[in-house]
C-alpha atoms as a PDB file:
ATOM      1  CA  MET A   1       0.000   0.000   0.000  1.00  0.00           C
ATOM      2  CA  ARG A   2       2.804   2.407   0.835  1.00  0.00           C
ATOM      3  CA  ALA A   3       4.615   1.842  -2.480  1.00  0.00           C
ATOM      4  CA  SER A   4       1.356   2.245  -4.401  1.00  0.00           C
ATOM      5  CA  SER A   5       0.618   5.495  -2.579  1.00  0.00           C
ATOM      6  CA  ILE A   6       4.041   6.872  -3.439  1.00  0.00           C
ATOM      7  CA  MET A   7       3.525   6.048  -7.118  1.00  0.00           C
ATOM      8  CA  ARG A   8       0.197   7.894  -7.117  1.00  0.00           C
ATOM      9  CA  SER A   9       1.559  10.925  -5.272  1.00  0.00           C
ATOM     10  CA  PRO A  10       5.246  11.351  -6.173  1.00  0.00           C
ATOM     11  CA  ARG A  11       7.322  13.818  -4.218  1.00  0.00           C
ATOM     12  CA  PRO A  12       8.657  16.669  -6.385  1.00  0.00           C
ATOM     13  CA  ASP A  13      12.391  17.368  -6.431  1.00  0.00           C
ATOM     14  CA  THR A  14      11.640  21.097  -6.724  1.00  0.00           C
ATOM     15  CA  ASN A  15       8.420  22.540  -5.315  1.00  0.00           C
ATOM     16  CA  LEU A  16       7.743  26.271  -5.810  1.00  0.00           C
ATOM     17  CA  GLN A  17       4.634  27.550  -4.035  1.00  0.00           C
ATOM     18  CA  PHE A  18       3.497  31.080  -4.917  1.00  0.00           C
ATOM     19  CA  LEU A  19       0.296  31.209  -2.869  1.00  0.00           C
ATOM     20  CA  SER A  20       2.226  31.901   0.336  1.00  0.00           C
ATOM     21  CA  GLY A  21       3.295  35.405  -0.681  1.00  0.00           C
ATOM     22  CA  LEU A  22       6.989  34.545  -0.320  1.00  0.00           C
ATOM     23  CA  LEU A  23       9.507  34.522  -3.158  1.00  0.00           C
ATOM     24  CA  ASP A  24      11.784  31.482  -3.255  1.00  0.00           C
ATOM     25  CA  PRO A  25      15.361  32.621  -2.457  1.00  0.00           C
ATOM     26  CA  ARG A  26      16.644  30.719  -5.496  1.00  0.00           C
ATOM     27  CA  VAL A  27      14.948  33.230  -7.789  1.00  0.00           C
ATOM     28  CA  SER A  28      17.897  35.246  -9.056  1.00  0.00           C
ATOM     29  CA  ALA A  29      16.343  37.903 -11.281  1.00  0.00           C
ATOM     30  CA  TRP A  30      13.153  39.869 -11.784  1.00  0.00           C
ATOM     31  CA  THR A  31      12.576  42.719 -14.215  1.00  0.00           C
ATOM     32  CA  ARG A  32       9.652  45.103 -14.578  1.00  0.00           C
ATOM     33  CA  SER A  33       9.835  48.827 -15.232  1.00  0.00           C
ATOM     34  CA  GLY A  34       7.354  51.378 -13.983  1.00  0.00           C
ATOM     35  CA  VAL A  35       5.129  51.610 -10.931  1.00  0.00           C
ATOM     36  CA  SER A  36       2.549  48.831 -10.866  1.00  0.00           C
ATOM     37  CA  SER A  37      -0.171  47.673  -8.479  1.00  0.00           C
ATOM     38  CA  ARG A  38      -1.441  44.635  -6.617  1.00  0.00           C
ATOM     39  CA  TRP A  39      -3.965  43.812  -3.908  1.00  0.00           C
ATOM     40  CA  ASP A  40      -2.490  42.623  -0.619  1.00  0.00           C
ATOM     41  CA  ALA A  41      -3.774  40.019   1.850  1.00  0.00           C
ATOM     42  CA  ALA A  42      -5.748  42.681   3.735  1.00  0.00           C
ATOM     43  CA  GLY A  43      -7.539  43.911   0.605  1.00  0.00           C
ATOM     44  CA  ALA A  44      -5.491  47.103   0.290  1.00  0.00           C
ATOM     45  CA  LEU A  45      -4.169  48.344  -3.047  1.00  0.00           C
ATOM     46  CA  GLN A  46      -0.370  48.500  -3.088  1.00  0.00           C
ATOM     47  CA  ALA A  47       1.953  50.134  -5.646  1.00  0.00           C
ATOM     48  CA  PRO A  48       5.228  48.178  -5.970  1.00  0.00           C
ATOM     49  CA  GLY A  49       8.072  49.904  -7.780  1.00  0.00           C
ATOM     50  CA  ASP A  50      10.482  48.639 -10.407  1.00  0.00           C
ATOM     51  CA  ASN A  51      11.651  45.024 -10.286  1.00  0.00           C
ATOM     52  CA  VAL A  52       9.488  43.968  -7.322  1.00  0.00           C
ATOM     53  CA  ALA A  53       7.607  40.664  -7.489  1.00  0.00           C
ATOM     54  CA  ARG A  54       3.856  40.979  -7.010  1.00  0.00           C
ATOM     55  CA  PHE A  55       1.901  38.444  -4.964  1.00  0.00           C
ATOM     56  CA  ASP A  56      -1.706  39.274  -5.725  1.00  0.00           C
ATOM     57  CA  TYR A  57      -4.917  38.618  -3.770  1.00  0.00           C
ATOM     58  CA  ASP A  58      -8.600  38.777  -4.624  1.00  0.00           C
ATOM     59  CA  PRO A  59      -9.685  42.090  -3.045  1.00  0.00           C
ATOM     60  CA  LEU A  60     -13.205  40.783  -2.402  1.00  0.00           C
ATOM     61  CA  THR A  61     -12.486  37.345  -0.909  1.00  0.00           C
ATOM     62  CA  LEU A  62      -8.833  37.980   0.128  1.00  0.00           C
ATOM     63  CA  ALA A  63      -7.926  34.585  -1.377  1.00  0.00           C
ATOM     64  CA  PRO A  64      -4.359  34.418  -2.752  1.00  0.00           C
ATOM     65  CA  LYS A  65      -4.104  34.402  -6.548  1.00  0.00           C
ATOM     66  CA  GLY A  66      -0.374  33.770  -6.817  1.00  0.00           C
ATOM     67  CA  LEU A  67       2.612  35.464  -8.408  1.00  0.00           C
ATOM     68  CA  MET A  68       1.352  37.968 -10.969  1.00  0.00           C
ATOM     69  CA  PHE A  69       2.815  38.265 -14.464  1.00  0.00           C
ATOM     70  CA  GLU A  70       1.595  40.908 -16.896  1.00  0.00           C
ATOM     71  CA  GLU A  71       2.564  42.083 -20.343  1.00  0.00           C
ATOM     72  CA  ALA A  72       3.632  45.680 -20.962  1.00  0.00           C
ATOM     73  CA  ARG A  73       0.735  48.122 -21.104  1.00  0.00           C
ATOM     74  CA  ALA A  74       0.244  51.900 -21.273  1.00  0.00           C
ATOM     75  CA  ASN A  75      -2.496  53.805 -19.456  1.00  0.00           C
ATOM     76  CA  LEU A  76      -3.896  56.614 -21.601  1.00  0.00           C
ATOM     77  CA  ILE A  77      -5.771  58.256 -18.727  1.00  0.00           C
ATOM     78  CA  ALA A  78      -4.135  61.225 -17.028  1.00  0.00           C
ATOM     79  CA  SER A  79      -4.264  61.353 -13.207  1.00  0.00           C
ATOM     80  CA  PRO A  80      -5.879  57.902 -13.099  1.00  0.00           C
ATOM     81  CA  ASP A  81      -6.173  57.808  -9.293  1.00  0.00           C
ATOM     82  CA  THR A  82      -9.086  60.267  -9.435  1.00  0.00           C
ATOM     83  CA  PRO A  83      -9.538  61.084 -13.123  1.00  0.00           C
ATOM     84  CA  ALA A  84     -11.364  64.101 -14.502  1.00  0.00           C
ATOM     85  CA  THR A  85     -13.055  64.504 -17.867  1.00  0.00           C
ATOM     86  CA  GLN A  86     -10.435  64.313 -20.637  1.00  0.00           C
ATOM     87  CA  SER A  87      -9.797  63.475 -24.285  1.00  0.00           C
ATOM     88  CA  VAL A  88      -7.247  61.042 -25.721  1.00  0.00           C
ATOM     89  CA  SER A  89      -6.131  59.946 -29.187  1.00  0.00           C
ATOM     90  CA  VAL A  90      -7.038  56.379 -30.178  1.00  0.00           C
ATOM     91  CA  THR A  91      -6.683  54.106 -33.198  1.00  0.00           C
ATOM     92  CA  ALA A  92      -9.070  51.509 -34.624  1.00  0.00           C
ATOM     93  CA  GLN A  93      -8.198  48.601 -32.315  1.00  0.00           C
ATOM     94  CA  ALA A  94      -9.561  47.037 -29.142  1.00  0.00           C
ATOM     95  CA  TYR A  95      -9.305  49.095 -25.947  1.00  0.00           C
ATOM     96  CA  THR A  96     -10.388  48.272 -22.423  1.00  0.00           C
ATOM     97  CA  LEU A  97     -11.609  50.867 -19.957  1.00  0.00           C
ATOM     98  CA  SER A  98     -11.621  49.823 -16.304  1.00  0.00           C
ATOM     99  CA  PHE A  99     -12.222  51.623 -13.023  1.00  0.00           C
ATOM    100  CA  TYR A 100     -13.436  51.227  -9.459  1.00  0.00           C
ATOM    101  CA  GLY A 101     -16.291  53.122  -7.853  1.00  0.00           C
ATOM    102  CA  SER A 102     -19.979  53.836  -8.364  1.00  0.00           C
ATOM    103  CA  GLY A 103     -19.537  56.668 -10.870  1.00  0.00           C
ATOM    104  CA  THR A 104     -19.970  56.740 -14.624  1.00  0.00           C
ATOM    105  CA  VAL A 105     -17.650  57.273 -17.582  1.00  0.00           C
ATOM    106  CA  THR A 106     -19.392  58.392 -20.769  1.00  0.00           C
ATOM    107  CA  LEU A 107     -17.534  57.855 -24.041  1.00  0.00           C
ATOM    108  CA  SER A 108     -18.043  60.167 -27.015  1.00  0.00           C
ATOM    109  CA  GLY A 109     -16.256  61.037 -30.224  1.00  0.00           C
ATOM    110  CA  ALA A 110     -14.382  58.004 -31.561  1.00  0.00           C
ATOM    111  CA  ALA A 111     -16.761  55.702 -29.633  1.00  0.00           C
ATOM    112  CA  THR A 112     -20.033  56.129 -27.766  1.00  0.00           C
ATOM    113  CA  ALA A 113     -21.060  54.322 -24.602  1.00  0.00           C
ATOM    114  CA  THR A 114     -22.060  54.934 -21.012  1.00  0.00           C
ATOM    115  CA  VAL A 115     -20.051  52.780 -18.623  1.00  0.00           C
ATOM    116  CA  ALA A 116     -21.475  52.606 -15.105  1.00  0.00           C
ATOM    117  CA  GLY A 117     -19.412  51.547 -12.124  1.00  0.00           C
ATOM    118  CA  THR A 118     -20.300  48.514 -10.041  1.00  0.00           C
ATOM    119  CA  GLY A 119     -19.886  49.991  -6.582  1.00  0.00           C
ATOM    120  CA  ALA A 120     -17.244  51.161  -4.171  1.00  0.00           C
ATOM    121  CA  VAL A 121     -13.658  49.916  -4.221  1.00  0.00           C
ATOM    122  CA  PRO A 122     -12.736  47.059  -4.642  1.00  0.00           C
ATOM    123  CA  ASN A 123     -15.577  46.431  -7.120  1.00  0.00           C
ATOM    124  CA  ARG A 124     -14.232  46.917 -10.640  1.00  0.00           C
ATOM    125  CA  ARG A 125     -15.968  47.641 -13.934  1.00  0.00           C
ATOM    126  CA  ALA A 126     -14.273  46.731 -17.234  1.00  0.00           C
ATOM    127  CA  TYR A 127     -15.556  47.580 -20.712  1.00  0.00           C
ATOM    128  CA  THR A 128     -13.889  46.505 -23.975  1.00  0.00           C
ATOM    129  CA  PHE A 129     -14.673  48.315 -27.230  1.00  0.00           C
ATOM    130  CA  THR A 130     -13.196  49.166 -30.628  1.00  0.00           C
ATOM    131  CA  PRO A 131     -13.300  52.876 -31.506  1.00  0.00           C
ATOM    132  CA  SER A 132     -12.701  54.508 -34.842  1.00  0.00           C
ATOM    133  CA  ALA A 133      -9.383  56.313 -35.191  1.00  0.00           C
ATOM    134  CA  GLY A 134      -9.567  59.816 -33.756  1.00  0.00           C
ATOM    135  CA  THR A 135     -10.254  61.595 -30.480  1.00  0.00           C
ATOM    136  CA  LEU A 136     -12.081  59.835 -27.664  1.00  0.00           C
ATOM    137  CA  THR A 137     -13.621  61.943 -24.913  1.00  0.00           C
ATOM    138  CA  LEU A 138     -14.193  60.403 -21.488  1.00  0.00           C
ATOM    139  CA  THR A 139     -16.692  62.363 -19.387  1.00  0.00           C
ATOM    140  CA  VAL A 140     -16.404  61.428 -15.724  1.00  0.00           C
ATOM    141  CA  SER A 141     -19.224  61.803 -13.212  1.00  0.00           C
ATOM    142  CA  GLY A 142     -19.523  60.548  -9.661  1.00  0.00           C
ATOM    143  CA  THR A 143     -16.874  58.471  -7.908  1.00  0.00           C
ATOM    144  CA  VAL A 144     -14.364  56.985 -10.349  1.00  0.00           C
ATOM    145  CA  ARG A 145     -11.065  55.660  -8.967  1.00  0.00           C
ATOM    146  CA  TYR A 146      -7.979  53.859 -10.300  1.00  0.00           C
ATOM    147  CA  ALA A 147      -8.929  54.103 -13.972  1.00  0.00           C
ATOM    148  CA  ASN A 148      -7.147  52.427 -16.889  1.00  0.00           C
ATOM    149  CA  LEU A 149      -7.636  52.920 -20.610  1.00  0.00           C
ATOM    150  CA  GLU A 150      -5.442  50.291 -22.272  1.00  0.00           C
ATOM    151  CA  ALA A 151      -4.953  49.097 -25.824  1.00  0.00           C
ATOM    152  CA  GLY A 152      -5.941  45.452 -25.433  1.00  0.00           C
ATOM    153  CA  ALA A 153      -8.904  43.097 -25.272  1.00  0.00           C
ATOM    154  CA  TYR A 154      -8.853  42.715 -21.479  1.00  0.00           C
ATOM    155  CA  ALA A 155      -8.010  44.782 -18.423  1.00  0.00           C
ATOM    156  CA  THR A 156      -4.743  44.364 -16.580  1.00  0.00           C
ATOM    157  CA  SER A 157      -4.037  45.595 -13.063  1.00  0.00           C
ATOM    158  CA  TYR A 158      -4.361  49.289 -12.284  1.00  0.00           C
ATOM    159  CA  ILE A 159      -1.480  51.295 -13.799  1.00  0.00           C
ATOM    160  CA  PRO A 160      -0.745  54.308 -11.552  1.00  0.00           C
ATOM    161  CA  GLY A 161       1.479  56.030 -14.124  1.00  0.00           C
ATOM    162  CA  ALA A 162       1.725  56.307 -17.880  1.00  0.00           C
ATOM    163  CA  SER A 163       2.955  52.752 -18.420  1.00  0.00           C
ATOM    164  CA  ARG A 164       4.017  49.491 -16.815  1.00  0.00           C
ATOM    165  CA  GLY A 165       6.651  47.171 -18.258  1.00  0.00           C
ATOM    166  CA  ALA A 166       6.292  43.417 -18.615  1.00  0.00           C
ATOM    167  CA  ASP A 167       7.114  41.064 -15.751  1.00  0.00           C
ATOM    168  CA  THR A 168      10.022  39.017 -17.075  1.00  0.00           C
ATOM    169  CA  GLY A 169      13.279  37.369 -16.181  1.00  0.00           C
ATOM    170  CA  ILE A 170      12.634  35.199 -13.161  1.00  0.00           C
ATOM    171  CA  ILE A 171      15.442  32.674 -13.408  1.00  0.00           C
ATOM    172  CA  LEU A 172      16.423  29.708 -11.265  1.00  0.00           C
ATOM    173  CA  ALA A 173      19.887  28.379 -12.103  1.00  0.00           C
ATOM    174  CA  ALA A 174      20.025  24.699 -13.049  1.00  0.00           C
ATOM    175  CA  SER A 175      22.529  24.091 -10.246  1.00  0.00           C
ATOM    176  CA  THR A 176      19.775  24.838  -7.692  1.00  0.00           C
ATOM    177  CA  LEU A 177      17.337  22.319  -9.201  1.00  0.00           C
ATOM    178  CA  PRO A 178      18.109  18.801  -7.925  1.00  0.00           C
ATOM    179  CA  GLY A 179      17.840  16.033 -10.480  1.00  0.00           C
ATOM    180  CA  LEU A 180      17.314  18.308 -13.497  1.00  0.00           C
ATOM    181  CA  SER A 181      18.241  16.381 -16.651  1.00  0.00           C
ATOM    182  CA  VAL A 182      17.567  16.580 -20.372  1.00  0.00           C
ATOM    183  CA  SER A 183      17.240  12.783 -20.499  1.00  0.00           C
ATOM    184  CA  GLN A 184      14.055  12.542 -18.424  1.00  0.00           C
ATOM    185  CA  GLY A 185      11.836  14.508 -16.091  1.00  0.00           C
ATOM    186  CA  THR A 186       8.420  16.039 -15.472  1.00  0.00           C
ATOM    187  CA  LEU A 187       7.374  19.684 -15.142  1.00  0.00           C
ATOM    188  CA  PHE A 188       4.003  20.565 -13.558  1.00  0.00           C
ATOM    189  CA  ILE A 189       2.479  24.033 -13.236  1.00  0.00           C
ATOM    190  CA  GLU A 190      -0.737  25.521 -11.885  1.00  0.00           C
ATOM    191  CA  TRP A 191      -1.783  28.919 -13.202  1.00  0.00           C
ATOM    192  CA  GLN A 192      -4.755  31.137 -13.992  1.00  0.00           C
ATOM    193  CA  PHE A 193      -5.513  33.695 -16.673  1.00  0.00           C
ATOM    194  CA  PRO A 194      -7.948  36.583 -16.138  1.00  0.00           C
ATOM    195  CA  GLY A 195     -11.268  36.639 -17.965  1.00  0.00           C
ATOM    196  CA  ILE A 196      -9.888  36.292 -21.497  1.00  0.00           C
ATOM    197  CA  LEU A 197      -7.004  34.331 -23.018  1.00  0.00           C
ATOM    198  CA  PRO A 198      -4.392  36.251 -25.029  1.00  0.00           C
ATOM    199  CA  PRO A 199      -4.813  36.249 -28.831  1.00  0.00           C
ATOM    200  CA  GLY A 200      -1.242  35.044 -29.393  1.00  0.00           C
ATOM    201  CA  GLN A 201       1.283  32.881 -27.600  1.00  0.00           C
ATOM    202  CA  ALA A 202       2.285  33.408 -23.977  1.00  0.00           C
ATOM    203  CA  ALA A 203       5.118  31.526 -22.299  1.00  0.00           C
ATOM    204  CA  ILE A 204       4.324  30.325 -18.784  1.00  0.00           C
ATOM    205  CA  VAL A 205       7.227  28.167 -17.512  1.00  0.00           C
ATOM    206  CA  GLY A 206      10.081  26.326 -19.193  1.00  0.00           C
ATOM    207  CA  PHE A 207      13.628  24.998 -19.062  1.00  0.00           C
ATOM    208  CA  ASP A 208      16.221  26.263 -21.566  1.00  0.00           C
ATOM    209  CA  ASP A 209      19.893  27.056 -22.120  1.00  0.00           C
ATOM    210  CA  GLY A 210      19.408  30.814 -22.436  1.00  0.00           C
ATOM    211  CA  THR A 211      18.284  30.469 -26.055  1.00  0.00           C
ATOM    212  CA  GLY A 212      15.477  28.820 -27.971  1.00  0.00           C
ATOM    213  CA  ALA A 213      17.791  26.112 -29.306  1.00  0.00           C
ATOM    214  CA  ASN A 214      17.448  23.819 -26.274  1.00  0.00           C
ATOM    215  CA  ARG A 215      14.186  24.133 -24.407  1.00  0.00           C
ATOM    216  CA  ILE A 216      11.030  22.578 -23.054  1.00  0.00           C
ATOM    217  CA  LEU A 217       8.303  25.193 -22.667  1.00  0.00           C
ATOM    218  CA  LEU A 218       4.749  25.120 -21.325  1.00  0.00           C
ATOM    219  CA  ARG A 219       2.701  27.956 -22.756  1.00  0.00           C
ATOM    220  CA  VAL A 220      -0.623  29.169 -24.093  1.00  0.00           C
ATOM    221  CA  GLY A 221      -0.660  28.764 -27.864  1.00  0.00           C
ATOM    222  CA  GLN A 222      -2.640  30.327 -30.676  1.00  0.00           C
ATOM    223  CA  GLY A 223      -6.383  30.024 -30.246  1.00  0.00           C
ATOM    224  CA  GLY A 224      -6.404  29.819 -26.448  1.00  0.00           C
ATOM    225  CA  VAL A 225      -5.010  26.336 -25.921  1.00  0.00           C
ATOM    226  CA  ALA A 226      -2.460  25.030 -23.435  1.00  0.00           C
ATOM    227  CA  ASP A 227       0.416  23.569 -25.413  1.00  0.00           C
ATOM    228  CA  MET A 228       4.077  22.545 -25.221  1.00  0.00           C
ATOM    229  CA  VAL A 229       7.088  23.095 -27.452  1.00  0.00           C
ATOM    230  CA  SER A 230      10.520  21.484 -27.383  1.00  0.00           C
ATOM    231  CA  SER A 231      13.655  22.017 -29.429  1.00  0.00           C
ATOM    232  CA  PRO A 232      15.564  20.483 -30.988  1.00  0.00           C
ATOM    233  CA  GLY A 233      13.161  17.767 -32.039  1.00  0.00           C
ATOM    234  CA  GLY A 234      10.467  20.102 -33.300  1.00  0.00           C
ATOM    235  CA  ILE A 235       7.706  19.142 -30.869  1.00  0.00           C
ATOM    236  CA  ASP A 236       4.854  21.675 -31.014  1.00  0.00           C
ATOM    237  CA  THR A 237       1.682  20.089 -29.693  1.00  0.00           C
ATOM    238  CA  THR A 238      -1.752  20.795 -31.130  1.00  0.00           C
ATOM    239  CA  GLY A 239      -2.827  22.021 -27.723  1.00  0.00           C
ATOM    240  CA  ILE A 240      -5.623  21.360 -25.257  1.00  0.00           C
ATOM    241  CA  ALA A 241      -8.504  23.822 -24.872  1.00  0.00           C
ATOM    242  CA  VAL A 242      -8.559  25.701 -21.566  1.00  0.00           C
ATOM    243  CA  THR A 243     -11.038  28.156 -20.065  1.00  0.00           C
ATOM    244  CA  ALA A 244      -9.999  31.662 -19.075  1.00  0.00           C
ATOM    245  CA  GLY A 245     -10.715  32.601 -15.485  1.00  0.00           C
ATOM    246  CA  THR A 246     -10.291  29.033 -14.221  1.00  0.00           C
ATOM    247  CA  ILE A 247      -7.341  27.405 -12.461  1.00  0.00           C
ATOM    248  CA  ILE A 248      -5.372  25.415 -15.053  1.00  0.00           C
ATOM    249  CA  ARG A 249      -3.087  22.487 -14.256  1.00  0.00           C
ATOM    250  CA  GLN A 250      -0.598  21.576 -16.967  1.00  0.00           C
ATOM    251  CA  ALA A 251       2.356  19.188 -17.194  1.00  0.00           C
ATOM    252  CA  VAL A 252       4.967  17.834 -19.583  1.00  0.00           C
ATOM    253  CA  ALA A 253       6.922  14.609 -19.079  1.00  0.00           C
ATOM    254  CA  TRP A 254       9.893  13.634 -21.214  1.00  0.00           C
ATOM    255  CA  SER A 255      12.322  10.856 -21.996  1.00  0.00           C
ATOM    256  CA  SER A 256      13.788   9.757 -25.323  1.00  0.00           C
ATOM    257  CA  GLY A 257      10.956   8.458 -27.498  1.00  0.00           C
ATOM    258  CA  SER A 258       8.326   9.055 -24.812  1.00  0.00           C
ATOM    259  CA  TRP A 259       6.866  12.541 -24.421  1.00  0.00           C
ATOM    260  CA  ALA A 260       3.523  13.518 -22.932  1.00  0.00           C
ATOM    261  CA  HIS A 261       1.774  16.867 -22.536  1.00  0.00           C
ATOM    262  CA  CYS A 262      -1.278  17.081 -20.303  1.00  0.00           C
ATOM    263  CA  ALA A 263      -3.787  19.750 -19.224  1.00  0.00           C
ATOM    264  CA  GLY A 264      -7.106  19.313 -17.477  1.00  0.00           C
ATOM    265  CA  GLY A 265      -6.714  15.545 -17.527  1.00  0.00           C
ATOM    266  CA  GLN A 266      -6.365  15.468 -21.334  1.00  0.00           C
ATOM    267  CA  ILE A 267      -3.139  14.146 -22.874  1.00  0.00           C
ATOM    268  CA  GLU A 268      -1.068  14.469 -26.056  1.00  0.00           C
ATOM    269  CA  THR A 269       1.933  12.226 -26.751  1.00  0.00           C
ATOM    270  CA  SER A 270       4.991  12.153 -29.014  1.00  0.00           C
ATOM    271  CA  SER A 271       7.652   9.548 -29.805  1.00  0.00           C
ATOM    272  CA  VAL A 272      10.383  12.035 -30.777  1.00  0.00           C
ATOM    273  CA  THR A 273      13.840  10.759 -29.780  1.00  0.00           C
ATOM    274  CA  THR A 274      15.818  14.007 -30.235  1.00  0.00           C
ATOM    275  CA  MET A 275      16.431  15.589 -26.834  1.00  0.00           C
ATOM    276  CA  PRO A 276      17.693  19.042 -25.809  1.00  0.00           C
ATOM    277  CA  ALA A 277      21.463  19.145 -25.307  1.00  0.00           C
ATOM    278  CA  THR A 278      21.467  21.044 -22.005  1.00  0.00           C
ATOM    279  CA  PHE A 279      19.415  23.115 -19.577  1.00  0.00           C
ATOM    280  CA  THR A 280      20.940  25.987 -17.627  1.00  0.00           C
ATOM    281  CA  ARG A 281      17.875  27.628 -16.112  1.00  0.00           C
ATOM    282  CA  LEU A 282      14.177  27.565 -15.312  1.00  0.00           C
ATOM    283  CA  ASN A 283      12.263  30.565 -16.648  1.00  0.00           C
ATOM    284  CA  LEU A 284       9.001  31.739 -15.127  1.00  0.00           C
ATOM    285  CA  GLY A 285       7.025  33.977 -17.470  1.00  0.00           C
ATOM    286  CA  GLY A 286       8.039  35.321 -20.826  1.00  0.00           C
ATOM    287  CA  GLY A 287       6.842  38.906 -21.138  1.00  0.00           C
ATOM    288  CA  SER A 288       3.586  38.237 -23.000  1.00  0.00           C
ATOM    289  CA  GLY A 289       0.105  37.572 -21.683  1.00  0.00           C
ATOM    290  CA  SER A 290      -1.151  38.205 -18.160  1.00  0.00           C
ATOM    291  CA  PHE A 291      -1.591  35.453 -15.595  1.00  0.00           C
ATOM    292  CA  TRP A 292      -1.113  34.337 -12.010  1.00  0.00           C
ATOM    293  CA  LEU A 293       1.374  31.537 -11.395  1.00  0.00           C
ATOM    294  CA  ARG A 294       0.377  29.430  -8.396  1.00  0.00           C
ATOM    295  CA  LYS A 295       2.636  26.343  -8.343  1.00  0.00           C
ATOM    296  CA  VAL A 296       5.667  24.945 -10.176  1.00  0.00           C
ATOM    297  CA  ARG A 297       6.965  21.427  -9.548  1.00  0.00           C
ATOM    298  CA  HIS A 298       9.826  19.518 -11.146  1.00  0.00           C
ATOM    299  CA  TYR A 299      10.272  15.754 -10.848  1.00  0.00           C
ATOM    300  CA  ALA A 300      13.551  14.092 -11.811  1.00  0.00           C
ATOM    301  CA  LEU A 301      11.645  11.115 -13.272  1.00  0.00           C
ATOM    302  CA  ARG A 302       9.426  10.806 -16.328  1.00  0.00           C
ATOM    303  CA  LEU A 303       6.111  10.230 -14.543  1.00  0.00           C
ATOM    304  CA  PRO A 304       3.541   7.809 -16.057  1.00  0.00           C
ATOM    305  CA  ASP A 305       0.792   9.173 -18.293  1.00  0.00           C
ATOM    306  CA  ASN A 306      -1.952   8.192 -15.842  1.00  0.00           C
ATOM    307  CA  THR A 307      -0.184  10.147 -13.102  1.00  0.00           C
ATOM    308  CA  LEU A 308      -0.080  13.204 -15.368  1.00  0.00           C
ATOM    309  CA  LYS A 309      -3.805  12.905 -16.036  1.00  0.00           C
ATOM    310  CA  THR A 310      -4.560  12.704 -12.327  1.00  0.00           C
ATOM    311  CA  MET A 311      -2.324  15.595 -11.290  1.00  0.00           C
ATOM    312  CA  THR A 312      -3.734  17.929 -13.967  1.00  0.00           C
ATOM    313  CA  THR A 313      -7.413  17.175 -13.354  1.00  0.00           C
END
């Protein structure tokens, strides 16, 4: 019974937990320019500066969301803390207006709409629209706080200044990861996107040698699917459909001639025998997309397919 239990619940060789609000000391780099924001465990809005990791919480339930990664965005609204009526230049692409409070923002000019708030902070209203190219006027009435107007199909966290850079460059050196090998292993992650998946590809977690020549990468692929790529060998899985706003569990297991990619209990396999030559680091995030990373686990063994299905369900 004991041996069977161990096979069903293997112990990871590396276990990164990002729901605790603590950054693993092995993380050797973090890059993000510009003042950003996050909600803390008490439901207060914080404004971390450059190169500070953000552990985010749900401001309504205070539940931890994990380590927050966001792509670079600009905020077109001046004085967004308590904005006044203003006009901005826009192009014919998707924009998302978001704010907290019970007030109203009325759009006119390049687009027309009346966007009503959903209540006092921390209740947030988000509205996505596509204007014509030209001047957009935002008429503010009532209580409107922490407003963003971003080019993009979904809202990111409140941007206190003109822009916020992408969260990139978290690196764990291979020497700190026991049992890491190109010959076999398993990588498991748990993550969550906001209410919409990115239109393109977004790297979540992967091993590489500092280039794209030798890598195993878990990501979101085109069309909103969880997929995996590896090089050399040319593995690029079709992908498994995932739902934005839900917690997603994803894994890849590898050994020569026996690859498996799994998400939500669904599996894809490959018999490619070409393996990466070396790994020198573990990368968390890749500068595109916006998501919360909750867990990362590495196992020195190539776990069985049924184990992958169970752990990702």
